[in-house]
Protein backbone atom coordinates (compact mmCIF):
# COMPACT_ATOMS: atom_id res chain seq x y z
CA LYS A 1 18.31 -20.95 34.60
CA GLY A 2 16.90 -24.44 34.13
CA PHE A 3 13.27 -24.69 33.11
CA LYS A 4 11.04 -27.61 34.00
CA TYR A 5 8.33 -26.58 31.54
CA ILE A 6 8.19 -25.44 27.95
CA ASP A 7 5.34 -23.53 26.29
CA ILE A 8 5.21 -23.64 22.51
CA SER A 9 2.73 -21.32 20.83
CA LEU A 10 0.31 -22.92 18.36
CA THR A 11 -0.24 -26.06 20.41
CA PRO A 12 -2.33 -26.71 23.52
CA PHE A 13 -0.31 -29.84 24.28
CA THR A 14 2.23 -27.81 26.25
CA ASN A 15 -0.57 -26.85 28.69
CA THR A 16 -1.10 -30.55 29.35
CA LEU A 17 2.44 -30.96 30.74
CA PRO A 18 2.04 -28.69 33.80
CA ILE A 19 -1.64 -29.63 34.24
CA HIS A 20 -0.70 -33.30 34.43
CA HIS A 21 2.48 -32.82 36.47
CA LEU A 22 1.26 -30.30 39.07
CA LYS A 23 -1.72 -32.44 40.17
CA LEU A 24 -3.39 -29.35 41.61
CA GLN A 25 -6.15 -29.37 44.17
CA GLU A 26 -9.08 -27.08 43.39
CA ASN A 27 -8.49 -23.37 44.07
CA ASN A 28 -4.84 -23.90 44.96
CA PRO A 29 -2.88 -21.87 42.36
CA GLN A 30 0.67 -22.75 41.38
CA GLU A 31 3.13 -20.45 39.66
CA ILE A 32 5.70 -21.95 37.32
CA ASP A 33 8.62 -20.71 35.24
CA VAL A 34 8.58 -21.76 31.61
CA ILE A 35 10.59 -21.19 28.49
CA TYR A 36 8.14 -19.75 25.96
CA ILE A 37 8.65 -20.35 22.25
CA ASP A 38 6.66 -18.02 20.02
CA VAL A 39 6.78 -19.89 16.72
CA LEU A 40 5.17 -17.17 14.59
CA ASN A 41 7.38 -14.32 15.81
CA HIS A 42 10.55 -16.37 16.28
CA HIS A 43 10.99 -15.42 19.96
CA ILE A 44 12.21 -17.56 22.81
CA LYS A 45 11.99 -16.11 26.29
CA PRO A 46 11.34 -17.03 29.92
CA ALA A 47 7.83 -16.51 31.24
CA GLN A 48 5.95 -16.91 34.49
CA GLN A 49 2.61 -18.65 34.42
CA ARG A 50 -0.02 -19.57 36.96
CA TYR A 51 -2.39 -22.52 36.85
CA THR A 52 -5.42 -22.79 39.11
CA ARG A 53 -7.71 -25.79 39.06
CA THR A 54 -11.22 -24.35 39.26
CA ALA A 55 -13.17 -27.61 38.82
CA ALA A 56 -12.42 -31.27 38.17
CA ASN A 57 -11.80 -30.60 34.47
CA LYS A 58 -11.21 -26.81 34.34
CA TYR A 59 -8.07 -24.76 34.84
CA LEU A 60 -7.49 -21.04 34.85
CA TYR A 61 -4.28 -20.34 32.95
CA GLU A 62 -2.59 -16.98 33.50
CA ASN A 63 0.50 -15.45 31.95
CA ILE A 64 1.71 -13.30 34.81
CA GLN A 65 3.71 -10.78 32.75
CA THR A 66 1.04 -10.11 30.11
CA TYR A 67 -2.06 -10.56 32.30
CA PHE A 68 -3.46 -12.96 29.67
CA LYS A 69 -6.01 -15.37 31.14
CA ALA A 70 -7.91 -18.34 29.74
CA GLU A 71 -10.16 -20.98 31.25
CA ILE A 72 -9.03 -24.30 29.82
CA LEU A 73 -11.27 -27.35 29.70
CA VAL A 74 -9.45 -30.71 29.78
CA ASP A 75 -10.45 -34.34 29.44
CA GLU A 76 -9.81 -37.11 31.99
CA ASN A 77 -6.19 -37.40 30.79
CA GLY A 78 -5.47 -33.68 31.15
CA LEU A 79 -5.52 -33.10 27.38
CA VAL A 80 -6.96 -29.76 26.33
CA VAL A 81 -10.50 -30.03 24.96
CA THR A 82 -11.28 -26.30 24.80
CA TYR A 83 -8.97 -23.31 24.92
CA PRO A 84 -11.27 -20.33 24.21
CA ASP A 85 -10.64 -18.53 20.93
CA LEU A 86 -7.54 -20.65 20.23
CA PHE A 87 -8.20 -24.39 20.24
CA GLU A 88 -11.11 -26.80 20.15
CA LYS A 89 -10.72 -30.57 20.13
CA ILE A 90 -12.67 -32.11 17.30
CA GLY A 91 -13.30 -35.79 16.87
């Protein structure tokens, strides 16, 4: 199966790719198939994710299989500014 998106653990930059590409309207969720690379555990597997734009600069990210959810704050370029408990842009 071909994957349009890749999700690499340990970096929020892979969230920027679908956020920028999907150009979502508020409260209009979109499910995507990704290839997930878990760097720490050396796993590569397909995953289903859902992105919902909840405000001009906020997205709800959901991993459909694991029920993991996070509200991601992005800047005007779609780069992650805050990913709760995982990433915080400094500087």
